[in-house]
């Protein structure tokens, strides 16, 4: 339960943008350096970001 709460709180701080060069979505959690992801869709980026955070 505690880990789930931590992940939810961290994901609420996630920021996303579209990389204009290749059209991919980029996401990061600024307070946690090194936690970032990119994917073709926003949902895919969110899922990948959460996976990186869990790891």
C-alpha atoms as a PDB file:
ATOM      1  CA  UNK A   1       0.000   0.000   0.000  1.00  0.00           C
ATOM      2  CA  UNK A   2       2.788   2.421   0.866  1.00  0.00           C
ATOM      3  CA  UNK A   3       4.560   1.800  -2.460  1.00  0.00           C
ATOM      4  CA  UNK A   4       1.306   2.326  -4.367  1.00  0.00           C
ATOM      5  CA  UNK A   5       0.753   5.651  -2.585  1.00  0.00           C
ATOM      6  CA  UNK A   6       4.304   6.734  -3.407  1.00  0.00           C
ATOM      7  CA  UNK A   7       3.888   5.855  -7.092  1.00  0.00           C
ATOM      8  CA  UNK A   8       0.554   7.684  -7.337  1.00  0.00           C
ATOM      9  CA  UNK A   9       1.995  10.788  -5.669  1.00  0.00           C
ATOM     10  CA  UNK A  10       5.041  10.771  -7.937  1.00  0.00           C
ATOM     11  CA  UNK A  11       2.949  10.263 -11.091  1.00  0.00           C
ATOM     12  CA  UNK A  12       0.852  13.314 -10.192  1.00  0.00           C
ATOM     13  CA  UNK A  13       4.062  15.344 -10.562  1.00  0.00           C
ATOM     14  CA  UNK A  14       4.838  13.961 -14.022  1.00  0.00           C
ATOM     15  CA  UNK A  15       5.256  16.413 -16.880  1.00  0.00           C
ATOM     16  CA  UNK A  16       4.832  15.529 -20.549  1.00  0.00           C
ATOM     17  CA  UNK A  17       5.690  17.179 -23.838  1.00  0.00           C
ATOM     18  CA  UNK A  18       5.814  16.315 -27.512  1.00  0.00           C
ATOM     19  CA  UNK A  19       9.301  16.240 -28.996  1.00  0.00           C
ATOM     20  CA  UNK A  20       8.913  18.201 -32.206  1.00  0.00           C
ATOM     21  CA  UNK A  21      11.821  16.530 -34.005  1.00  0.00           C
ATOM     22  CA  UNK A  22      10.250  13.071 -34.017  1.00  0.00           C
ATOM     23  CA  UNK A  23       6.701  13.485 -32.661  1.00  0.00           C
ATOM     24  CA  UNK A  24       7.306  11.251 -29.649  1.00  0.00           C
ATOM     25  CA  UNK A  25       5.927  12.022 -26.227  1.00  0.00           C
ATOM     26  CA  UNK A  26       8.503  12.653 -23.516  1.00  0.00           C
ATOM     27  CA  UNK A  27       7.670  12.395 -19.841  1.00  0.00           C
ATOM     28  CA  UNK A  28       9.596  12.999 -16.660  1.00  0.00           C
ATOM     29  CA  UNK A  29       9.071  13.400 -12.928  1.00  0.00           C
ATOM     30  CA  UNK A  30      11.150  16.506 -12.114  1.00  0.00           C
ATOM     31  CA  UNK A  31      11.676  15.829  -8.384  1.00  0.00           C
ATOM     32  CA  UNK A  32      13.133  12.380  -9.210  1.00  0.00           C
ATOM     33  CA  UNK A  33      16.207  12.780 -11.445  1.00  0.00           C
ATOM     34  CA  UNK A  34      16.710  10.033 -13.999  1.00  0.00           C
ATOM     35  CA  UNK A  35      13.050   8.979 -14.152  1.00  0.00           C
ATOM     36  CA  UNK A  36      11.948   9.676 -17.724  1.00  0.00           C
ATOM     37  CA  UNK A  37      10.371   7.909 -20.666  1.00  0.00           C
ATOM     38  CA  UNK A  38       9.307   8.428 -24.260  1.00  0.00           C
ATOM     39  CA  UNK A  39       6.776   6.711 -26.487  1.00  0.00           C
ATOM     40  CA  UNK A  40       4.642   7.221 -29.589  1.00  0.00           C
ATOM     41  CA  UNK A  41       1.493   7.969 -27.549  1.00  0.00           C
ATOM     42  CA  UNK A  42       0.812   9.886 -24.363  1.00  0.00           C
ATOM     43  CA  UNK A  43      -0.687   6.803 -22.725  1.00  0.00           C
ATOM     44  CA  UNK A  44       2.309   4.712 -23.731  1.00  0.00           C
ATOM     45  CA  UNK A  45       4.624   7.344 -22.312  1.00  0.00           C
ATOM     46  CA  UNK A  46       2.695   7.403 -19.035  1.00  0.00           C
ATOM     47  CA  UNK A  47       2.833   3.620 -18.751  1.00  0.00           C
ATOM     48  CA  UNK A  48       6.562   3.543 -19.492  1.00  0.00           C
ATOM     49  CA  UNK A  49       7.209   6.339 -17.005  1.00  0.00           C
ATOM     50  CA  UNK A  50       5.358   4.448 -14.290  1.00  0.00           C
ATOM     51  CA  UNK A  51       7.334   1.308 -15.124  1.00  0.00           C
ATOM     52  CA  UNK A  52      10.632   3.192 -14.829  1.00  0.00           C
ATOM     53  CA  UNK A  53       9.493   4.645 -11.513  1.00  0.00           C
ATOM     54  CA  UNK A  54       8.591   1.205 -10.159  1.00  0.00           C
ATOM     55  CA  UNK A  55      12.009  -0.104 -11.180  1.00  0.00           C
END
